[in-house]
């Protein structure tokens, strides 16, 4: 037995224990085979809501999920620490996505049409968010209601995505805009 084998076994046991604890604590959430749930997950699921993570997802430390609708996350998607997902209707995130630390994804926003009524009393506008497969969202980016992000997209750090981003694009800025298309073919 090499010196690293006991450490690997202990790490695997810790991952399995955290996944089992998440499944017990959040019985209405579905975590696929071999998901890794790191410490500090804050998950609120409304009575009629649904949360589904496919296999091999990673939920890093201090992630917050508030779901009143349907959240679906594809296989092998990785969330960095301190991400926030706010779901009133529907958020769908594809497979093989990399979502960096402190990213915020929300399918709703406060109404603010009148000055006569406090914003908190004006209700919300809601529209589903759809994120394709193989998408990389950089640190501290924000994805707003009604946005569709195509497959193979890169969203730059700090970007605020307010409109759809087509497949195989790179988008940066506030508001995010496409700065170039990604080349197809093998890397290198």
Protein backbone atom coordinates (compact mmCIF):
# COMPACT_ATOMS: atom_id res chain seq x y z
CA UNK A 1 0.00 0.00 0.00
CA UNK A 2 1.41 3.39 -0.99
CA UNK A 3 1.24 6.33 1.45
CA UNK A 4 -1.36 8.11 -0.69
CA UNK A 5 -3.86 5.22 -0.78
CA UNK A 6 -5.23 5.77 2.75
CA UNK A 7 -5.65 9.48 2.03
CA UNK A 8 -7.54 8.73 -1.20
CA UNK A 9 -9.75 6.23 0.60
CA UNK A 10 -10.49 8.76 3.35
CA UNK A 11 -11.28 11.48 0.80
CA UNK A 12 -13.62 9.13 -1.10
CA UNK A 13 -15.36 8.15 2.15
CA UNK A 14 -15.80 11.82 3.05
CA UNK A 15 -17.34 12.58 -0.37
CA UNK A 16 -19.73 9.64 -0.05
CA UNK A 17 -20.72 10.70 3.46
CA UNK A 18 -21.46 14.30 2.37
CA UNK A 19 -23.51 13.05 -0.60
CA UNK A 20 -25.52 10.72 1.67
CA UNK A 21 -26.07 13.55 4.15
CA UNK A 22 -27.27 15.88 1.36
CA UNK A 23 -29.69 13.20 0.13
CA UNK A 24 -31.06 12.71 3.65
CA UNK A 25 -31.32 16.40 4.46
CA UNK A 26 -32.84 17.39 1.11
CA UNK A 27 -35.15 14.49 0.33
CA UNK A 28 -36.96 16.34 -2.46
CA UNK A 29 -33.68 16.99 -4.30
CA UNK A 30 -32.15 14.40 -6.58
CA UNK A 31 -28.36 14.02 -6.67
CA UNK A 32 -27.04 11.61 -9.29
CA UNK A 33 -24.40 8.93 -8.83
CA UNK A 34 -21.02 10.17 -7.64
CA UNK A 35 -22.00 13.81 -7.11
CA UNK A 36 -19.68 15.68 -4.79
CA UNK A 37 -21.44 17.96 -2.30
CA UNK A 38 -18.93 20.05 -0.38
CA UNK A 39 -19.68 21.71 3.00
CA UNK A 40 -22.06 24.62 3.36
CA UNK A 41 -24.79 23.90 0.81
CA UNK A 42 -27.85 26.06 1.56
CA UNK A 43 -30.80 24.56 -0.28
CA UNK A 44 -34.41 25.70 -0.02
CA UNK A 45 -36.96 23.79 -2.09
CA UNK A 46 -40.57 25.02 -2.11
CA UNK A 47 -43.25 22.31 -1.69
CA UNK A 48 -44.01 21.96 -5.43
CA UNK A 49 -40.46 22.58 -6.67
CA UNK A 50 -37.98 20.12 -8.15
CA UNK A 51 -34.16 20.02 -8.01
CA UNK A 52 -32.25 17.44 -10.08
CA UNK A 53 -28.48 17.08 -10.41
CA UNK A 54 -27.24 14.42 -12.85
CA UNK A 55 -24.26 12.18 -12.07
CA UNK A 56 -20.74 13.40 -11.31
CA UNK A 57 -21.67 17.02 -10.51
CA UNK A 58 -19.60 19.05 -8.05
CA UNK A 59 -21.27 21.55 -5.71
CA UNK A 60 -18.49 23.52 -4.03
CA UNK A 61 -18.54 25.21 -0.62
CA UNK A 62 -21.25 27.67 0.45
CA UNK A 63 -23.51 27.31 -2.59
CA UNK A 64 -27.01 28.74 -2.16
CA UNK A 65 -30.02 27.40 -4.07
CA UNK A 66 -33.54 28.76 -3.63
CA UNK A 67 -35.96 26.85 -5.82
CA UNK A 68 -39.67 27.53 -6.28
CA UNK A 69 -39.79 25.91 -9.75
CA UNK A 70 -37.59 23.43 -11.58
CA UNK A 71 -33.78 23.29 -11.49
CA UNK A 72 -32.10 20.71 -13.74
CA UNK A 73 -28.31 20.34 -13.89
CA UNK A 74 -26.59 18.06 -16.43
CA UNK A 75 -23.87 15.48 -15.78
CA UNK A 76 -20.29 16.47 -14.96
CA UNK A 77 -21.19 20.12 -14.26
CA UNK A 78 -18.99 21.82 -11.68
CA UNK A 79 -19.94 24.82 -9.51
CA UNK A 80 -17.26 26.90 -7.78
CA UNK A 81 -17.68 28.14 -4.23
CA UNK A 82 -20.35 30.66 -3.20
CA UNK A 83 -22.55 30.39 -6.31
CA UNK A 84 -26.22 31.39 -6.09
CA UNK A 85 -29.12 29.90 -8.06
CA UNK A 86 -32.51 31.59 -7.73
CA UNK A 87 -35.33 29.68 -9.44
CA UNK A 88 -38.96 30.80 -9.57
CA UNK A 89 -39.94 28.99 -12.79
CA UNK A 90 -37.11 27.10 -14.51
CA UNK A 91 -33.32 27.04 -14.76
CA UNK A 92 -31.70 24.37 -16.92
CA UNK A 93 -27.92 23.93 -17.01
CA UNK A 94 -26.41 21.45 -19.45
CA UNK A 95 -23.73 18.81 -19.08
CA UNK A 96 -19.98 19.42 -18.76
CA UNK A 97 -20.35 23.04 -17.66
CA UNK A 98 -17.80 24.91 -15.55
CA UNK A 99 -19.40 27.55 -13.36
CA UNK A 100 -16.75 29.52 -11.51
CA UNK A 101 -16.95 30.93 -7.99
CA UNK A 102 -19.55 33.52 -6.98
CA UNK A 103 -21.66 33.20 -10.16
CA UNK A 104 -25.31 34.23 -9.82
CA UNK A 105 -28.01 32.68 -12.03
CA UNK A 106 -31.62 33.87 -11.58
CA UNK A 107 -34.79 33.47 -13.62
CA UNK A 108 -36.57 36.40 -11.98
CA UNK A 109 -36.16 40.08 -11.23
CA UNK A 110 -38.03 42.69 -9.16
CA UNK A 111 -40.50 44.96 -10.88
CA UNK A 112 -39.83 48.66 -10.44
CA UNK A 113 -42.31 50.42 -12.75
CA UNK A 114 -43.70 52.93 -10.25
CA UNK A 115 -42.27 55.21 -7.60
CA UNK A 116 -45.59 55.16 -5.69
CA UNK A 117 -45.10 51.60 -4.44
CA UNK A 118 -41.97 50.20 -2.76
CA UNK A 119 -40.02 47.89 -5.08
CA UNK A 120 -40.39 44.99 -2.65
CA UNK A 121 -44.20 45.18 -3.08
CA UNK A 122 -44.27 45.36 -6.91
CA UNK A 123 -43.79 41.65 -7.54
CA UNK A 124 -41.43 39.91 -9.94
CA UNK A 125 -40.93 39.34 -13.62
CA UNK A 126 -40.04 35.72 -14.36
CA UNK A 127 -38.62 34.04 -17.47
CA UNK A 128 -36.76 30.71 -17.72
CA UNK A 129 -32.98 30.46 -18.08
CA UNK A 130 -31.37 27.83 -20.29
CA UNK A 131 -27.62 27.16 -20.38
CA UNK A 132 -26.30 24.69 -22.96
CA UNK A 133 -23.65 21.98 -22.72
CA UNK A 134 -19.92 22.64 -22.33
CA UNK A 135 -20.37 26.23 -21.13
CA UNK A 136 -17.71 27.99 -19.05
CA UNK A 137 -19.01 30.89 -16.93
CA UNK A 138 -16.26 33.00 -15.37
CA UNK A 139 -16.00 34.21 -11.79
CA UNK A 140 -18.62 36.65 -10.51
CA UNK A 141 -20.67 36.58 -13.72
CA UNK A 142 -24.43 37.14 -13.49
CA UNK A 143 -26.99 35.42 -15.70
CA UNK A 144 -30.37 37.20 -15.72
CA UNK A 145 -33.95 36.10 -16.41
CA UNK A 146 -35.03 34.94 -19.85
CA UNK A 147 -31.51 34.25 -21.14
CA UNK A 148 -30.56 31.30 -23.34
CA UNK A 149 -26.87 30.49 -23.62
CA UNK A 150 -25.96 28.08 -26.43
CA UNK A 151 -23.58 25.13 -26.32
CA UNK A 152 -19.79 25.64 -26.16
CA UNK A 153 -19.99 29.24 -24.90
CA UNK A 154 -17.49 31.09 -22.73
CA UNK A 155 -18.83 33.90 -20.51
CA UNK A 156 -16.07 36.16 -19.16
CA UNK A 157 -15.50 36.93 -15.50
CA UNK A 158 -17.75 39.68 -14.16
CA UNK A 159 -20.04 39.66 -17.20
CA UNK A 160 -23.74 40.46 -16.82
CA UNK A 161 -25.70 38.42 -19.34
CA UNK A 162 -28.94 40.20 -20.21
CA UNK A 163 -29.69 38.63 -23.62
CA UNK A 164 -29.22 35.35 -25.47
CA UNK A 165 -25.70 34.24 -26.39
CA UNK A 166 -25.37 32.03 -29.51
CA UNK A 167 -23.51 28.72 -29.50
CA UNK A 168 -19.72 28.66 -29.79
CA UNK A 169 -19.31 32.31 -28.75
CA UNK A 170 -17.18 34.22 -26.29
CA UNK A 171 -19.09 36.98 -24.46
CA UNK A 172 -17.70 39.64 -22.11
CA UNK A 173 -18.75 42.86 -20.44
CA UNK A 174 -21.61 44.67 -18.76
CA UNK A 175 -23.94 44.02 -20.43
CA UNK A 176 -22.31 40.96 -22.01
CA UNK A 177 -21.77 41.06 -25.75
CA UNK A 178 -20.26 38.54 -28.12
CA UNK A 179 -16.67 39.50 -28.92
CA UNK A 180 -15.79 36.52 -31.10
CA UNK A 181 -16.85 33.07 -32.26
CA UNK A 182 -14.95 30.01 -31.07
CA UNK A 183 -13.12 27.98 -33.69
CA UNK A 184 -14.26 24.43 -34.26
CA UNK A 185 -11.86 21.51 -34.33
CA UNK A 186 -9.35 20.04 -31.96
CA UNK A 187 -7.47 22.20 -29.46
CA UNK A 188 -3.83 22.95 -30.03
